[in-house]
Structures are given as structure tokens and as C-alpha cells.
Amino acid sequence: MFGGNMNKMMKQVQKIQQDIAKMQEELANRTVESTAGGGAVKVVANGRQELVKIEIKPEAVDPEDIEMLQDLVLAAANEALRKSQEMAANEMSKITGGIKIPGMF
């Protein structure tokens, strides 16, 4: 009675799983960046929410004010991770049609 529909649904679920796995691989190669302090600190993150690069301009390094540099790095890193999460969520919604899947971004 439900056999044909169930098989069709299972194939759709398998396709979505394959698409999600492919998307996650692609996100590892896509990056976003954020800056702080007028570009004194730049942080790059990939679509897996991993920081892949941090650049600090020499003029941002003031031995008398290490806290400022720490704040700039923290702000740029948090913004890069936020952008990375947003990018991943946008890509995921293309696959799932906007349906939220627990544990996925």
C-alpha cells in the first residue's frame, strides 16, 4: 500500500544526505573574511567555521596596549565565524528548502 511512496521518499532522503555531504566538502574550500581596527586585523574562516588565516598589520602591534590587539583579533574572529555560519546556513537552506535540520549549522 505505501511501498512505492516509501521507496520514493527514502530515495529523496538519500539524495538530500548526499547533497549535504557534498555541500559540506565544498564549504571547507569556501572562505569569508572579516576585519577590525580599520583593517589592522583580518581573519579568514572557511564554511566549516574553522579559522584558516589571521593577518595582523605591524602598526597594530603596540607592546603598551596588548589588550587592544586582543580585542581586535577577537572581534574579527567572531565576525568571521558569524559570516561563516551564515554562509553555511544559506547553502543548507538551498538543499533542504529552508527546513531546519537539528545539528546542521
C-alpha atoms as a PDB file:
ATOM      1  CA  MET A   1       0.000   0.000   0.000  1.00  0.00           C
ATOM      2  CA  PHE A   2       2.711   2.518   0.971  1.00  0.00           C
ATOM      3  CA  GLY A   3       5.661   0.666  -0.649  1.00  0.00           C
ATOM      4  CA  GLY A   4       6.067   2.877  -3.736  1.00  0.00           C
ATOM      5  CA  ASN A   5       5.739   6.135  -1.846  1.00  0.00           C
ATOM      6  CA  MET A   6       8.049   4.924   0.918  1.00  0.00           C
ATOM      7  CA  ASN A   7      10.729   3.925  -1.602  1.00  0.00           C
ATOM      8  CA  LYS A   8      10.427   7.287  -3.322  1.00  0.00           C
ATOM      9  CA  MET A   9      10.707   9.111  -0.001  1.00  0.00           C
ATOM     10  CA  MET A  10      13.757   7.072   1.041  1.00  0.00           C
ATOM     11  CA  LYS A  11      15.461   7.895  -2.269  1.00  0.00           C
ATOM     12  CA  GLN A  12      14.749  11.581  -1.681  1.00  0.00           C
ATOM     13  CA  VAL A  13      16.224  11.374   1.834  1.00  0.00           C
ATOM     14  CA  GLN A  14      19.338   9.631   0.477  1.00  0.00           C
ATOM     15  CA  LYS A  15      19.731  12.328  -2.197  1.00  0.00           C
ATOM     16  CA  ILE A  16      19.453  15.069   0.427  1.00  0.00           C
ATOM     17  CA  GLN A  17      22.072  13.296   2.566  1.00  0.00           C
ATOM     18  CA  GLN A  18      24.400  13.070  -0.438  1.00  0.00           C
ATOM     19  CA  ASP A  19      23.801  16.735  -1.288  1.00  0.00           C
ATOM     20  CA  ILE A  20      24.531  17.757   2.311  1.00  0.00           C
ATOM     21  CA  ALA A  21      27.785  15.766   2.354  1.00  0.00           C
ATOM     22  CA  LYS A  22      28.861  17.333  -0.939  1.00  0.00           C
ATOM     23  CA  MET A  23      27.946  20.811   0.309  1.00  0.00           C
ATOM     24  CA  GLN A  24      29.961  20.306   3.496  1.00  0.00           C
ATOM     25  CA  GLU A  25      33.017  19.358   1.424  1.00  0.00           C
ATOM     26  CA  GLU A  26      32.562  22.446  -0.745  1.00  0.00           C
ATOM     27  CA  LEU A  27      32.159  24.693   2.306  1.00  0.00           C
ATOM     28  CA  ALA A  28      35.584  23.603   3.535  1.00  0.00           C
ATOM     29  CA  ASN A  29      37.031  25.328   0.459  1.00  0.00           C
ATOM     30  CA  ARG A  30      34.920  28.499   0.622  1.00  0.00           C
ATOM     31  CA  THR A  31      36.015  31.342   2.840  1.00  0.00           C
ATOM     32  CA  VAL A  32      34.749  34.566   4.346  1.00  0.00           C
ATOM     33  CA  GLU A  33      36.811  37.299   5.928  1.00  0.00           C
ATOM     34  CA  SER A  34      36.348  39.985   8.496  1.00  0.00           C
ATOM     35  CA  THR A  35      38.472  42.904   9.589  1.00  0.00           C
ATOM     36  CA  ALA A  36      38.744  45.035  12.701  1.00  0.00           C
ATOM     37  CA  GLY A  37      40.566  48.214  13.562  1.00  0.00           C
ATOM     38  CA  GLY A  38      40.202  49.658  10.080  1.00  0.00           C
ATOM     39  CA  GLY A  39      41.839  46.602   8.543  1.00  0.00           C
ATOM     40  CA  ALA A  40      44.622  46.299  11.111  1.00  0.00           C
ATOM     41  CA  VAL A  41      43.463  42.735  11.828  1.00  0.00           C
ATOM     42  CA  LYS A  42      41.983  40.388   9.249  1.00  0.00           C
ATOM     43  CA  VAL A  43      40.584  36.933   9.989  1.00  0.00           C
ATOM     44  CA  VAL A  44      39.576  34.367   7.369  1.00  0.00           C
ATOM     45  CA  ALA A  45      37.263  31.428   8.165  1.00  0.00           C
ATOM     46  CA  ASN A  46      36.032  28.591   6.000  1.00  0.00           C
ATOM     47  CA  GLY A  47      32.483  27.298   5.686  1.00  0.00           C
ATOM     48  CA  ARG A  48      33.125  24.726   8.391  1.00  0.00           C
ATOM     49  CA  GLN A  49      33.589  27.507  10.965  1.00  0.00           C
ATOM     50  CA  GLU A  50      37.338  26.954  11.124  1.00  0.00           C
ATOM     51  CA  LEU A  51      39.715  29.897  11.257  1.00  0.00           C
ATOM     52  CA  VAL A  52      42.178  29.459   8.404  1.00  0.00           C
ATOM     53  CA  LYS A  53      44.166  32.699   8.489  1.00  0.00           C
ATOM     54  CA  ILE A  54      44.853  35.659  10.754  1.00  0.00           C
ATOM     55  CA  GLU A  55      46.736  38.697   9.486  1.00  0.00           C
ATOM     56  CA  ILE A  56      47.923  41.462  11.797  1.00  0.00           C
ATOM     57  CA  LYS A  57      49.476  44.623  10.380  1.00  0.00           C
ATOM     58  CA  PRO A  58      52.664  45.656  12.180  1.00  0.00           C
ATOM     59  CA  GLU A  59      51.204  49.007  13.165  1.00  0.00           C
ATOM     60  CA  ALA A  60      48.512  47.177  15.168  1.00  0.00           C
ATOM     61  CA  VAL A  61      51.151  45.755  17.494  1.00  0.00           C
ATOM     62  CA  ASP A  62      51.710  48.119  20.398  1.00  0.00           C
ATOM     63  CA  PRO A  63      53.561  46.499  23.303  1.00  0.00           C
ATOM     64  CA  GLU A  64      51.994  49.108  25.577  1.00  0.00           C
ATOM     65  CA  ASP A  65      48.440  48.104  24.572  1.00  0.00           C
ATOM     66  CA  ILE A  66      48.237  44.343  24.066  1.00  0.00           C
ATOM     67  CA  GLU A  67      44.605  44.370  25.208  1.00  0.00           C
ATOM     68  CA  MET A  68      43.600  46.456  22.186  1.00  0.00           C
ATOM     69  CA  LEU A  69      45.192  43.936  19.815  1.00  0.00           C
ATOM     70  CA  GLN A  70      43.491  41.071  21.627  1.00  0.00           C
ATOM     71  CA  ASP A  71      40.137  42.852  21.313  1.00  0.00           C
ATOM     72  CA  LEU A  72      40.689  43.432  17.584  1.00  0.00           C
ATOM     73  CA  VAL A  73      41.573  39.783  16.957  1.00  0.00           C
ATOM     74  CA  LEU A  74      38.585  38.618  18.995  1.00  0.00           C
ATOM     75  CA  ALA A  75      36.179  40.959  17.180  1.00  0.00           C
ATOM     76  CA  ALA A  76      37.444  39.974  13.730  1.00  0.00           C
ATOM     77  CA  ALA A  77      37.382  36.250  14.592  1.00  0.00           C
ATOM     78  CA  ASN A  78      33.848  36.367  15.952  1.00  0.00           C
ATOM     79  CA  GLU A  79      32.608  38.264  12.901  1.00  0.00           C
ATOM     80  CA  ALA A  80      34.342  35.841  10.513  1.00  0.00           C
ATOM     81  CA  LEU A  81      32.746  32.880  12.303  1.00  0.00           C
ATOM     82  CA  ARG A  82      29.336  34.579  12.187  1.00  0.00           C
ATOM     83  CA  LYS A  83      29.727  35.120   8.432  1.00  0.00           C
ATOM     84  CA  SER A  84      30.839  31.515   8.002  1.00  0.00           C
ATOM     85  CA  GLN A  85      27.775  30.236   9.860  1.00  0.00           C
ATOM     86  CA  GLU A  86      25.526  32.460   7.768  1.00  0.00           C
ATOM     87  CA  MET A  87      27.129  31.194   4.540  1.00  0.00           C
ATOM     88  CA  ALA A  88      26.708  27.567   5.640  1.00  0.00           C
ATOM     89  CA  ALA A  89      23.087  28.137   6.689  1.00  0.00           C
ATOM     90  CA  ASN A  90      22.291  29.760   3.343  1.00  0.00           C
ATOM     91  CA  GLU A  91      23.798  26.831   1.459  1.00  0.00           C
ATOM     92  CA  MET A  92      21.972  24.336   3.670  1.00  0.00           C
ATOM     93  CA  SER A  93      18.630  26.047   3.064  1.00  0.00           C
ATOM     94  CA  LYS A  94      19.156  25.621  -0.688  1.00  0.00           C
ATOM     95  CA  ILE A  95      19.299  21.859  -0.150  1.00  0.00           C
ATOM     96  CA  THR A  96      16.608  21.499   2.496  1.00  0.00           C
ATOM     97  CA  GLY A  97      14.219  24.121   1.180  1.00  0.00           C
ATOM     98  CA  GLY A  98      14.535  26.109   4.380  1.00  0.00           C
ATOM     99  CA  ILE A  99      13.713  23.204   6.697  1.00  0.00           C
ATOM    100  CA  LYS A 100      15.953  23.300   9.759  1.00  0.00           C
ATOM    101  CA  ILE A 101      17.761  20.030  10.422  1.00  0.00           C
ATOM    102  CA  PRO A 102      18.928  19.681  14.041  1.00  0.00           C
ATOM    103  CA  GLY A 103      22.708  19.612  14.343  1.00  0.00           C
ATOM    104  CA  MET A 104      23.287  21.075  10.903  1.00  0.00           C
ATOM    105  CA  PHE A 105      24.662  24.635  11.113  1.00  0.00           C
END
